[in-house]
Amino acid sequence: RADKQGVVKISSCSIVHENIARVMQPLLESIRSAGIAHKLFGIDFLTSSSGEVLATLIYHKALDESWSVSAREIESKLGIFIIGRSRKQKIVLTQDYVTETLHIFGRDYRYIHIENSFTQPNALVNEKMISWSMEQLEGVGGDLLELYCGAGNFTIPFATKFDRVLATEISKASISAAKRNMELNGVSNIDFVRLSAEEFTQALDGTREFRRLEGLKVADYHLKTLFVDPPRAGLGEEPCAFAARFDHLLYISCNPETLLRDLELLSQTHEVTAMALFDQFPYTHHLEMGVKLTRKGHL
């Protein structure tokens, strides 16, 4: 039943990962008993399939040493990692990441997932999504360009299908994690570059130079395949015009509405040759979609 503010209070959340559901109530009870609930605004959770749980406690007040002492006790008691955040403050007690392992085509891939950075939320569905994507890239060869690469979720398995991979991402934290993940998996044929999609287009066309590309000759790549996994806003007109340059295009979308808009543009030059749905968020209206497009006349 809703209260006067229209809020419905719940005591459990069965749609989250079982690792998170298991610690939510004990964590709240421990926070209250430790006396560190004052001005606690929210809690963000991050977990891995191996059972690691990272909880970020977000406050509307500055955190002091006494908070750290109490939070460390809760860490030890519950066997989780805790981070404290408030305005212009981040306290990492043990570590700010969990390590995920994905099983794809008989190989294990390990990823460091950093707190407050984008990660795929559903490990089992993520494995299916990567596997399907790799099947679409079978036999394409050459070099791959990836935009919006995040922490290398797709990039690292994709590297087994191509001579070289050039992957771009605007987030510093994600690029740092991607490089760590590349080393973690013993992959060496990827260049991760911190550029936006627009900046990379400028670099490829030679209309602007970037220090971040120093020592890397983009023109030396034989880029005929593009992979994109953009934010909910999708690509839009100019990025779609850029994508149309490639013979092969693989598009993972978290928003079917913006995907439809982009496909109306891309279908002028390309044909859809494969499509799949992935339910990353059970019991919600959200869906991930994968689409493979091939240049007309190139089939």
C-alpha atoms as a PDB file:
ATOM      1  CA  ARG A   1       0.000   0.000   0.000  1.00  0.00           C
ATOM      2  CA  ALA A   2       1.289   3.467  -0.913  1.00  0.00           C
ATOM      3  CA  ASP A   3       2.025   6.002   1.831  1.00  0.00           C
ATOM      4  CA  LYS A   4       1.086   9.696   1.721  1.00  0.00           C
ATOM      5  CA  GLN A   5       3.984  10.402  -0.670  1.00  0.00           C
ATOM      6  CA  GLY A   6       2.852   7.634  -3.037  1.00  0.00           C
ATOM      7  CA  VAL A   7       5.750   5.357  -2.050  1.00  0.00           C
ATOM      8  CA  VAL A   8       5.260   1.615  -1.656  1.00  0.00           C
ATOM      9  CA  LYS A   9       7.684   0.166   0.874  1.00  0.00           C
ATOM     10  CA  ILE A  10       9.043  -3.317   0.165  1.00  0.00           C
ATOM     11  CA  SER A  11      11.047  -5.661   2.377  1.00  0.00           C
ATOM     12  CA  SER A  12      12.623  -7.738  -0.417  1.00  0.00           C
ATOM     13  CA  CYS A  13      13.399  -7.536  -4.138  1.00  0.00           C
ATOM     14  CA  SER A  14      13.213 -10.912  -5.848  1.00  0.00           C
ATOM     15  CA  ILE A  15      14.161  -9.691  -9.341  1.00  0.00           C
ATOM     16  CA  VAL A  16      17.737  -8.752  -8.387  1.00  0.00           C
ATOM     17  CA  HIS A  17      20.577 -11.291  -8.456  1.00  0.00           C
ATOM     18  CA  GLU A  18      20.341 -13.784  -5.599  1.00  0.00           C
ATOM     19  CA  ASN A  19      23.740 -12.627  -4.280  1.00  0.00           C
ATOM     20  CA  ILE A  20      22.352  -9.125  -3.820  1.00  0.00           C
ATOM     21  CA  ALA A  21      18.967 -10.294  -2.489  1.00  0.00           C
ATOM     22  CA  ARG A  22      20.813 -12.357   0.115  1.00  0.00           C
ATOM     23  CA  VAL A  23      22.661  -9.386   1.656  1.00  0.00           C
ATOM     24  CA  MET A  24      20.141  -6.543   1.274  1.00  0.00           C
ATOM     25  CA  GLN A  25      18.259  -7.059   4.531  1.00  0.00           C
ATOM     26  CA  PRO A  26      21.295  -8.049   6.668  1.00  0.00           C
ATOM     27  CA  LEU A  27      23.132  -4.997   5.342  1.00  0.00           C
ATOM     28  CA  LEU A  28      20.300  -2.649   6.280  1.00  0.00           C
ATOM     29  CA  GLU A  29      20.065  -4.166   9.745  1.00  0.00           C
ATOM     30  CA  SER A  30      23.836  -3.883  10.224  1.00  0.00           C
ATOM     31  CA  ILE A  31      23.826  -0.238   9.088  1.00  0.00           C
ATOM     32  CA  ARG A  32      21.104   0.608  11.597  1.00  0.00           C
ATOM     33  CA  SER A  33      22.731  -1.271  14.489  1.00  0.00           C
ATOM     34  CA  ALA A  34      26.121   0.345  13.715  1.00  0.00           C
ATOM     35  CA  GLY A  35      24.558   3.817  13.854  1.00  0.00           C
ATOM     36  CA  ILE A  36      25.596   4.850  10.330  1.00  0.00           C
ATOM     37  CA  ALA A  37      22.122   5.148   8.792  1.00  0.00           C
ATOM     38  CA  HIS A  38      21.822   8.929   9.320  1.00  0.00           C
ATOM     39  CA  LYS A  39      21.407  10.726   5.972  1.00  0.00           C
ATOM     40  CA  LEU A  40      21.961   7.505   4.031  1.00  0.00           C
ATOM     41  CA  PHE A  41      20.396   8.323   0.667  1.00  0.00           C
ATOM     42  CA  GLY A  42      20.714   5.054  -1.240  1.00  0.00           C
ATOM     43  CA  ILE A  43      22.727   1.883  -1.826  1.00  0.00           C
ATOM     44  CA  ASP A  44      24.087   0.693  -5.174  1.00  0.00           C
ATOM     45  CA  PHE A  45      24.952  -2.981  -5.573  1.00  0.00           C
ATOM     46  CA  LEU A  46      27.362  -4.770  -7.892  1.00  0.00           C
ATOM     47  CA  THR A  47      27.872  -8.522  -7.904  1.00  0.00           C
ATOM     48  CA  SER A  48      29.615 -11.302  -9.802  1.00  0.00           C
ATOM     49  CA  SER A  49      28.422 -14.825 -10.494  1.00  0.00           C
ATOM     50  CA  SER A  50      31.132 -16.157  -8.152  1.00  0.00           C
ATOM     51  CA  GLY A  51      29.390 -14.481  -5.206  1.00  0.00           C
ATOM     52  CA  GLU A  52      31.331 -11.237  -4.730  1.00  0.00           C
ATOM     53  CA  VAL A  53      29.119  -8.323  -3.663  1.00  0.00           C
ATOM     54  CA  LEU A  54      30.086  -4.664  -3.653  1.00  0.00           C
ATOM     55  CA  ALA A  55      27.759  -2.188  -1.916  1.00  0.00           C
ATOM     56  CA  THR A  56      28.126   1.566  -2.346  1.00  0.00           C
ATOM     57  CA  LEU A  57      26.527   3.542   0.485  1.00  0.00           C
ATOM     58  CA  ILE A  58      25.535   7.018  -0.707  1.00  0.00           C
ATOM     59  CA  TYR A  59      25.102   9.786   1.878  1.00  0.00           C
ATOM     60  CA  HIS A  60      23.911  13.377   2.080  1.00  0.00           C
ATOM     61  CA  LYS A  61      26.709  14.179   4.539  1.00  0.00           C
ATOM     62  CA  ALA A  62      30.501  13.988   4.783  1.00  0.00           C
ATOM     63  CA  LEU A  63      31.911  10.672   5.999  1.00  0.00           C
ATOM     64  CA  ASP A  64      34.565  10.493   8.713  1.00  0.00           C
ATOM     65  CA  GLU A  65      36.907   7.894  10.217  1.00  0.00           C
ATOM     66  CA  SER A  66      34.249   6.600  12.602  1.00  0.00           C
ATOM     67  CA  TRP A  67      32.104   5.727   9.571  1.00  0.00           C
ATOM     68  CA  SER A  68      35.039   3.808   8.065  1.00  0.00           C
ATOM     69  CA  VAL A  69      35.555   1.829  11.276  1.00  0.00           C
ATOM     70  CA  SER A  70      31.887   0.821  11.432  1.00  0.00           C
ATOM     71  CA  ALA A  71      31.719   0.030   7.714  1.00  0.00           C
ATOM     72  CA  ARG A  72      34.823  -2.191   7.933  1.00  0.00           C
ATOM     73  CA  GLU A  73      33.154  -4.207  10.680  1.00  0.00           C
ATOM     74  CA  ILE A  74      30.107  -4.708   8.448  1.00  0.00           C
ATOM     75  CA  GLU A  75      32.375  -5.726   5.541  1.00  0.00           C
ATOM     76  CA  SER A  76      33.960  -8.414   7.674  1.00  0.00           C
ATOM     77  CA  LYS A  77      30.663  -9.572   9.170  1.00  0.00           C
ATOM     78  CA  LEU A  78      28.806  -9.939   5.846  1.00  0.00           C
ATOM     79  CA  GLY A  79      31.765 -10.883   3.625  1.00  0.00           C
ATOM     80  CA  ILE A  80      31.166  -8.072   1.146  1.00  0.00           C
ATOM     81  CA  PHE A  81      33.004  -4.984  -0.117  1.00  0.00           C
ATOM     82  CA  ILE A  82      31.761  -1.533   0.905  1.00  0.00           C
ATOM     83  CA  ILE A  83      32.369   1.917  -0.566  1.00  0.00           C
ATOM     84  CA  GLY A  84      31.180   5.173   0.997  1.00  0.00           C
ATOM     85  CA  ARG A  85      30.161   8.094  -1.202  1.00  0.00           C
ATOM     86  CA  SER A  86      29.026  11.622  -0.510  1.00  0.00           C
ATOM     87  CA  ARG A  87      29.501  14.938  -2.289  1.00  0.00           C
ATOM     88  CA  LYS A  88      33.087  15.040  -3.657  1.00  0.00           C
ATOM     89  CA  GLN A  89      34.014  12.055  -1.487  1.00  0.00           C
ATOM     90  CA  LYS A  90      34.658   8.381  -2.173  1.00  0.00           C
ATOM     91  CA  ILE A  91      35.979   6.026   0.508  1.00  0.00           C
ATOM     92  CA  VAL A  92      37.133   2.609  -0.727  1.00  0.00           C
ATOM     93  CA  LEU A  93      37.606   0.286   2.241  1.00  0.00           C
ATOM     94  CA  THR A  94      38.999  -2.765   0.404  1.00  0.00           C
ATOM     95  CA  GLN A  95      38.424  -2.571  -3.369  1.00  0.00           C
ATOM     96  CA  ASP A  96      36.114  -0.801  -5.816  1.00  0.00           C
ATOM     97  CA  TYR A  97      35.467  -3.699  -8.196  1.00  0.00           C
ATOM     98  CA  VAL A  98      34.263  -7.290  -8.519  1.00  0.00           C
ATOM     99  CA  THR A  99      35.684  -9.869 -10.908  1.00  0.00           C
ATOM    100  CA  GLU A 100      33.291 -11.630 -13.269  1.00  0.00           C
ATOM    101  CA  THR A 101      33.994 -14.796 -15.262  1.00  0.00           C
ATOM    102  CA  LEU A 102      32.068 -15.471 -18.481  1.00  0.00           C
ATOM    103  CA  HIS A 103      32.031 -18.867 -20.205  1.00  0.00           C
ATOM    104  CA  ILE A 104      31.998 -18.455 -23.999  1.00  0.00           C
ATOM    105  CA  PHE A 105      32.624 -21.244 -26.525  1.00  0.00           C
ATOM    106  CA  GLY A 106      34.582 -23.367 -24.046  1.00  0.00           C
ATOM    107  CA  ARG A 107      36.791 -20.533 -22.827  1.00  0.00           C
ATOM    108  CA  ASP A 108      36.654 -18.506 -19.617  1.00  0.00           C
ATOM    109  CA  TYR A 109      36.966 -14.721 -19.890  1.00  0.00           C
ATOM    110  CA  ARG A 110      37.626 -12.687 -16.745  1.00  0.00           C
ATOM    111  CA  TYR A 111      36.537  -9.088 -16.311  1.00  0.00           C
ATOM    112  CA  ILE A 112      37.088  -6.468 -13.657  1.00  0.00           C
ATOM    113  CA  HIS A 113      33.807  -4.591 -13.149  1.00  0.00           C
ATOM    114  CA  ILE A 114      34.456  -1.231 -11.500  1.00  0.00           C
ATOM    115  CA  GLU A 115      31.918   0.451  -9.229  1.00  0.00           C
ATOM    116  CA  ASN A 116      29.915   3.255 -10.860  1.00  0.00           C
ATOM    117  CA  SER A 117      30.971   2.187 -14.371  1.00  0.00           C
ATOM    118  CA  PHE A 118      28.789   0.585 -17.041  1.00  0.00           C
ATOM    119  CA  THR A 119      28.634  -3.200 -17.046  1.00  0.00           C
ATOM    120  CA  GLN A 120      26.223  -5.729 -18.526  1.00  0.00           C
ATOM    121  CA  PRO A 121      23.864  -6.592 -15.633  1.00  0.00           C
ATOM    122  CA  ASN A 122      22.967 -10.219 -16.361  1.00  0.00           C
ATOM    123  CA  ALA A 123      25.965 -12.537 -16.677  1.00  0.00           C
ATOM    124  CA  LEU A 124      24.098 -15.546 -18.101  1.00  0.00           C
ATOM    125  CA  VAL A 125      22.294 -13.515 -20.760  1.00  0.00           C
ATOM    126  CA  ASN A 126      25.515 -11.622 -21.444  1.00  0.00           C
ATOM    127  CA  GLU A 127      27.232 -14.929 -22.279  1.00  0.00           C
ATOM    128  CA  LYS A 128      24.447 -15.722 -24.767  1.00  0.00           C
ATOM    129  CA  MET A 129      24.662 -12.241 -26.269  1.00  0.00           C
ATOM    130  CA  ILE A 130      28.434 -12.419 -26.788  1.00  0.00           C
ATOM    131  CA  SER A 131      28.199 -15.956 -28.205  1.00  0.00           C
ATOM    132  CA  TRP A 132      25.491 -14.950 -30.696  1.00  0.00           C
ATOM    133  CA  SER A 133      27.512 -11.890 -31.713  1.00  0.00           C
ATOM    134  CA  MET A 134      30.646 -13.969 -32.296  1.00  0.00           C
ATOM    135  CA  GLU A 135      28.672 -16.333 -34.523  1.00  0.00           C
ATOM    136  CA  GLN A 136      27.643 -13.375 -36.682  1.00  0.00           C
ATOM    137  CA  LEU A 137      31.297 -12.361 -37.089  1.00  0.00           C
ATOM    138  CA  GLU A 138      32.481 -15.817 -38.118  1.00  0.00           C
ATOM    139  CA  GLY A 139      34.624 -15.728 -41.260  1.00  0.00           C
ATOM    140  CA  VAL A 140      34.537 -11.933 -41.674  1.00  0.00           C
ATOM    141  CA  GLY A 141      38.247 -11.451 -40.868  1.00  0.00           C
ATOM    142  CA  GLY A 142      40.357  -8.327 -41.283  1.00  0.00           C
ATOM    143  CA  ASP A 143      40.315  -5.653 -38.582  1.00  0.00           C
ATOM    144  CA  LEU A 144      37.406  -4.601 -36.372  1.00  0.00           C
ATOM    145  CA  LEU A 145      36.368  -1.152 -35.210  1.00  0.00           C
ATOM    146  CA  GLU A 146      34.286  -0.985 -32.039  1.00  0.00           C
ATOM    147  CA  LEU A 147      32.623   2.170 -30.755  1.00  0.00           C
ATOM    148  CA  TYR A 148      31.300   2.464 -27.167  1.00  0.00           C
ATOM    149  CA  CYS A 149      33.500  -0.434 -26.040  1.00  0.00           C
ATOM    150  CA  GLY A 150      33.043   0.076 -22.293  1.00  0.00           C
ATOM    151  CA  ALA A 151      35.349  -2.198 -20.295  1.00  0.00           C
ATOM    152  CA  GLY A 152      35.877  -4.602 -23.199  1.00  0.00           C
ATOM    153  CA  ASN A 153      32.915  -6.906 -22.588  1.00  0.00           C
ATOM    154  CA  PHE A 154      32.567  -7.755 -26.294  1.00  0.00           C
ATOM    155  CA  THR A 155      35.970  -6.537 -27.428  1.00  0.00           C
ATOM    156  CA  ILE A 156      38.086  -9.193 -25.755  1.00  0.00           C
ATOM    157  CA  PRO A 157      36.241 -12.263 -27.092  1.00  0.00           C
ATOM    158  CA  PHE A 158      35.879 -10.571 -30.500  1.00  0.00           C
ATOM    159  CA  ALA A 159      39.667 -10.212 -30.693  1.00  0.00           C
ATOM    160  CA  THR A 160      39.882 -13.955 -31.398  1.00  0.00           C
ATOM    161  CA  LYS A 161      37.986 -13.409 -34.682  1.00  0.00           C
ATOM    162  CA  PHE A 162      40.051 -10.545 -36.127  1.00  0.00           C
ATOM    163  CA  ASP A 163      43.644  -9.660 -36.943  1.00  0.00           C
ATOM    164  CA  ARG A 164      43.412  -6.454 -34.895  1.00  0.00           C
ATOM    165  CA  VAL A 165      40.731  -4.562 -32.997  1.00  0.00           C
ATOM    166  CA  LEU A 166      40.530  -0.811 -32.530  1.00  0.00           C
ATOM    167  CA  ALA A 167      38.100   0.045 -29.726  1.00  0.00           C
ATOM    168  CA  THR A 168      37.001   3.468 -28.539  1.00  0.00           C
ATOM    169  CA  GLU A 169      35.215   4.723 -25.437  1.00  0.00           C
ATOM    170  CA  ILE A 170      34.871   8.199 -23.882  1.00  0.00           C
ATOM    171  CA  SER A 171      34.976   7.089 -20.221  1.00  0.00           C
ATOM    172  CA  LYS A 172      38.441   7.141 -18.603  1.00  0.00           C
ATOM    173  CA  ALA A 173      37.421   4.565 -15.986  1.00  0.00           C
ATOM    174  CA  SER A 174      36.083   2.185 -18.641  1.00  0.00           C
ATOM    175  CA  ILE A 175      39.207   2.487 -20.815  1.00  0.00           C
ATOM    176  CA  SER A 176      41.380   1.808 -17.767  1.00  0.00           C
ATOM    177  CA  ALA A 177      39.298  -1.274 -16.902  1.00  0.00           C
ATOM    178  CA  ALA A 178      39.357  -2.443 -20.541  1.00  0.00           C
ATOM    179  CA  LYS A 179      43.156  -2.379 -20.604  1.00  0.00           C
ATOM    180  CA  ARG A 180      43.309  -4.298 -17.325  1.00  0.00           C
ATOM    181  CA  ASN A 181      40.829  -6.837 -18.677  1.00  0.00           C
ATOM    182  CA  MET A 182      42.860  -7.274 -21.849  1.00  0.00           C
ATOM    183  CA  GLU A 183      45.929  -8.145 -19.747  1.00  0.00           C
ATOM    184  CA  LEU A 184      43.829 -10.364 -17.474  1.00  0.00           C
ATOM    185  CA  ASN A 185      42.829 -12.469 -20.485  1.00  0.00           C
ATOM    186  CA  GLY A 186      46.227 -12.529 -22.209  1.00  0.00           C
ATOM    187  CA  VAL A 187      44.969 -10.673 -25.301  1.00  0.00           C
ATOM    188  CA  SER A 188      47.393  -8.435 -27.200  1.00  0.00           C
ATOM    189  CA  ASN A 189      45.768  -7.456 -30.530  1.00  0.00           C
ATOM    190  CA  ILE A 190      43.493  -4.688 -29.205  1.00  0.00           C
ATOM    191  CA  ASP A 191      44.151  -0.952 -29.101  1.00  0.00           C
ATOM    192  CA  PHE A 192      41.841   0.834 -26.654  1.00  0.00           C
ATOM    193  CA  VAL A 193      41.562   4.576 -27.278  1.00  0.00           C
ATOM    194  CA  ARG A 194      39.675   7.200 -25.244  1.00  0.00           C
ATOM    195  CA  LEU A 195      37.707   8.958 -27.976  1.00  0.00           C
ATOM    196  CA  SER A 196      34.039   9.620 -28.578  1.00  0.00           C
ATOM    197  CA  ALA A 197      32.429   8.274 -31.746  1.00  0.00           C
ATOM    198  CA  GLU A 198      32.466  11.783 -33.234  1.00  0.00           C
ATOM    199  CA  GLU A 199      36.137  12.295 -32.363  1.00  0.00           C
ATOM    200  CA  PHE A 200      37.117   8.988 -33.908  1.00  0.00           C
ATOM    201  CA  THR A 201      35.361   9.909 -37.148  1.00  0.00           C
ATOM    202  CA  GLN A 202      37.385  13.127 -37.208  1.00  0.00           C
ATOM    203  CA  ALA A 203      40.596  11.198 -36.577  1.00  0.00           C
ATOM    204  CA  LEU A 204      39.839   8.618 -39.277  1.00  0.00           C
ATOM    205  CA  ASP A 205      39.045  11.314 -41.826  1.00  0.00           C
ATOM    206  CA  GLY A 206      42.140  13.314 -40.876  1.00  0.00           C
ATOM    207  CA  THR A 207      40.167  16.458 -40.017  1.00  0.00           C
ATOM    208  CA  ARG A 208      41.543  16.604 -36.474  1.00  0.00           C
ATOM    209  CA  GLU A 209      44.555  15.243 -34.625  1.00  0.00           C
ATOM    210  CA  PHE A 210      44.468  13.812 -31.098  1.00  0.00           C
ATOM    211  CA  ARG A 211      47.332  13.304 -28.656  1.00  0.00           C
ATOM    212  CA  ARG A 212      45.472  10.265 -27.378  1.00  0.00           C
ATOM    213  CA  LEU A 213      46.248   8.608 -30.742  1.00  0.00           C
ATOM    214  CA  GLU A 214      49.966   9.377 -30.579  1.00  0.00           C
ATOM    215  CA  GLY A 215      51.957   6.426 -31.901  1.00  0.00           C
ATOM    216  CA  LEU A 216      48.834   4.799 -33.369  1.00  0.00           C
ATOM    217  CA  LYS A 217      48.260   5.026 -37.142  1.00  0.00           C
ATOM    218  CA  VAL A 218      44.540   4.627 -37.701  1.00  0.00           C
ATOM    219  CA  ALA A 219      45.049   4.547 -41.472  1.00  0.00           C
ATOM    220  CA  ASP A 220      47.049   1.315 -41.137  1.00  0.00           C
ATOM    221  CA  TYR A 221      43.956  -0.585 -40.026  1.00  0.00           C
ATOM    222  CA  HIS A 222      41.898  -2.491 -42.604  1.00  0.00           C
ATOM    223  CA  LEU A 223      38.522  -1.664 -41.113  1.00  0.00           C
ATOM    224  CA  LYS A 224      35.617  -3.300 -42.917  1.00  0.00           C
ATOM    225  CA  THR A 225      33.580  -4.358 -39.875  1.00  0.00           C
ATOM    226  CA  LEU A 226      31.997  -2.092 -37.260  1.00  0.00           C
ATOM    227  CA  PHE A 227      30.522  -3.125 -33.918  1.00  0.00           C
ATOM    228  CA  VAL A 228      28.436  -0.708 -31.843  1.00  0.00           C
ATOM    229  CA  ASP A 229      26.691  -1.020 -28.493  1.00  0.00           C
ATOM    230  CA  PRO A 230      25.520   2.577 -27.946  1.00  0.00           C
ATOM    231  CA  PRO A 231      23.606   4.162 -25.036  1.00  0.00           C
ATOM    232  CA  ARG A 232      19.804   4.219 -25.038  1.00  0.00           C
ATOM    233  CA  ALA A 233      19.830   7.271 -27.324  1.00  0.00           C
ATOM    234  CA  GLY A 234      21.146   5.038 -30.118  1.00  0.00           C
ATOM    235  CA  LEU A 235      23.372   6.281 -32.921  1.00  0.00           C
ATOM    236  CA  GLY A 236      21.537   9.081 -34.708  1.00  0.00           C
ATOM    237  CA  GLU A 237      21.960  10.547 -38.178  1.00  0.00           C
ATOM    238  CA  GLU A 238      25.684  11.347 -38.366  1.00  0.00           C
ATOM    239  CA  PRO A 239      26.949   8.145 -36.671  1.00  0.00           C
ATOM    240  CA  CYS A 240      24.636   6.118 -38.943  1.00  0.00           C
ATOM    241  CA  ALA A 241      26.179   7.835 -41.961  1.00  0.00           C
ATOM    242  CA  PHE A 242      29.593   6.828 -40.608  1.00  0.00           C
ATOM    243  CA  ALA A 243      28.424   3.252 -39.955  1.00  0.00           C
ATOM    244  CA  ALA A 244      27.193   3.002 -43.544  1.00  0.00           C
ATOM    245  CA  ARG A 245      30.833   3.055 -44.731  1.00  0.00           C
ATOM    246  CA  PHE A 246      31.416  -0.492 -43.456  1.00  0.00           C
ATOM    247  CA  ASP A 247      30.663  -3.748 -45.271  1.00  0.00           C
ATOM    248  CA  HIS A 248      29.613  -5.484 -42.061  1.00  0.00           C
ATOM    249  CA  LEU A 249      27.822  -3.905 -39.125  1.00  0.00           C
ATOM    250  CA  LEU A 250      26.862  -5.543 -35.844  1.00  0.00           C
ATOM    251  CA  TYR A 251      24.560  -3.447 -33.642  1.00  0.00           C
ATOM    252  CA  ILE A 252      23.608  -4.294 -30.048  1.00  0.00           C
ATOM    253  CA  SER A 253      20.823  -2.058 -28.764  1.00  0.00           C
ATOM    254  CA  CYS A 254      19.276  -1.566 -25.327  1.00  0.00           C
ATOM    255  CA  ASN A 255      16.424   0.498 -26.787  1.00  0.00           C
ATOM    256  CA  PRO A 256      14.319  -1.026 -29.607  1.00  0.00           C
ATOM    257  CA  GLU A 257      12.734   2.362 -30.354  1.00  0.00           C
ATOM    258  CA  THR A 258      15.997   4.124 -31.205  1.00  0.00           C
ATOM    259  CA  LEU A 259      17.211   0.966 -32.948  1.00  0.00           C
ATOM    260  CA  LEU A 260      14.189   1.134 -35.280  1.00  0.00           C
ATOM    261  CA  ARG A 261      14.975   4.778 -36.050  1.00  0.00           C
ATOM    262  CA  ASP A 262      18.604   3.913 -36.838  1.00  0.00           C
ATOM    263  CA  LEU A 263      17.655   0.892 -38.948  1.00  0.00           C
ATOM    264  CA  GLU A 264      15.476   3.099 -41.136  1.00  0.00           C
ATOM    265  CA  LEU A 265      18.637   5.042 -41.988  1.00  0.00           C
ATOM    266  CA  LEU A 266      20.992   2.066 -42.228  1.00  0.00           C
ATOM    267  CA  SER A 267      18.609   0.053 -44.415  1.00  0.00           C
ATOM    268  CA  GLN A 268      19.232   2.531 -47.228  1.00  0.00           C
ATOM    269  CA  THR A 269      22.682   0.976 -47.714  1.00  0.00           C
ATOM    270  CA  HIS A 270      22.557  -2.300 -45.744  1.00  0.00           C
ATOM    271  CA  GLU A 271      20.321  -5.334 -45.323  1.00  0.00           C
ATOM    272  CA  VAL A 272      19.441  -7.000 -42.033  1.00  0.00           C
ATOM    273  CA  THR A 273      20.773 -10.566 -42.202  1.00  0.00           C
ATOM    274  CA  ALA A 274      20.272 -11.662 -38.580  1.00  0.00           C
ATOM    275  CA  MET A 275      18.417 -10.480 -35.489  1.00  0.00           C
ATOM    276  CA  ALA A 276      18.061 -11.663 -31.886  1.00  0.00           C
ATOM    277  CA  LEU A 277      16.375 -10.625 -28.635  1.00  0.00           C
ATOM    278  CA  PHE A 278      18.045 -10.857 -25.217  1.00  0.00           C
ATOM    279  CA  ASP A 279      16.093 -10.370 -21.989  1.00  0.00           C
ATOM    280  CA  GLN A 280      18.699  -8.813 -19.706  1.00  0.00           C
ATOM    281  CA  PHE A 281      16.042  -7.476 -17.322  1.00  0.00           C
ATOM    282  CA  PRO A 282      13.436 -10.167 -16.516  1.00  0.00           C
ATOM    283  CA  TYR A 283      10.051  -8.884 -15.294  1.00  0.00           C
ATOM    284  CA  THR A 284      10.597  -5.450 -16.900  1.00  0.00           C
ATOM    285  CA  HIS A 285       9.755  -4.018 -20.322  1.00  0.00           C
ATOM    286  CA  HIS A 286      13.434  -3.598 -21.225  1.00  0.00           C
ATOM    287  CA  LEU A 287      14.987  -5.718 -23.980  1.00  0.00           C
ATOM    288  CA  GLU A 288      18.387  -5.934 -25.643  1.00  0.00           C
ATOM    289  CA  MET A 289      18.432  -6.549 -29.383  1.00  0.00           C
ATOM    290  CA  GLY A 290      21.185  -7.677 -31.693  1.00  0.00           C
ATOM    291  CA  VAL A 291      21.156  -6.937 -35.413  1.00  0.00           C
ATOM    292  CA  LYS A 292      23.642  -7.910 -38.098  1.00  0.00           C
ATOM    293  CA  LEU A 293      23.651  -5.781 -41.252  1.00  0.00           C
ATOM    294  CA  THR A 294      25.565  -6.372 -44.472  1.00  0.00           C
ATOM    295  CA  ARG A 295      26.127  -3.877 -47.255  1.00  0.00           C
ATOM    296  CA  LYS A 296      23.702  -4.376 -50.164  1.00  0.00           C
ATOM    297  CA  GLY A 297      25.377  -6.273 -52.974  1.00  0.00           C
ATOM    298  CA  HIS A 298      27.987  -7.670 -50.572  1.00  0.00           C
ATOM    299  CA  LEU A 299      26.007 -10.759 -49.545  1.00  0.00           C
END
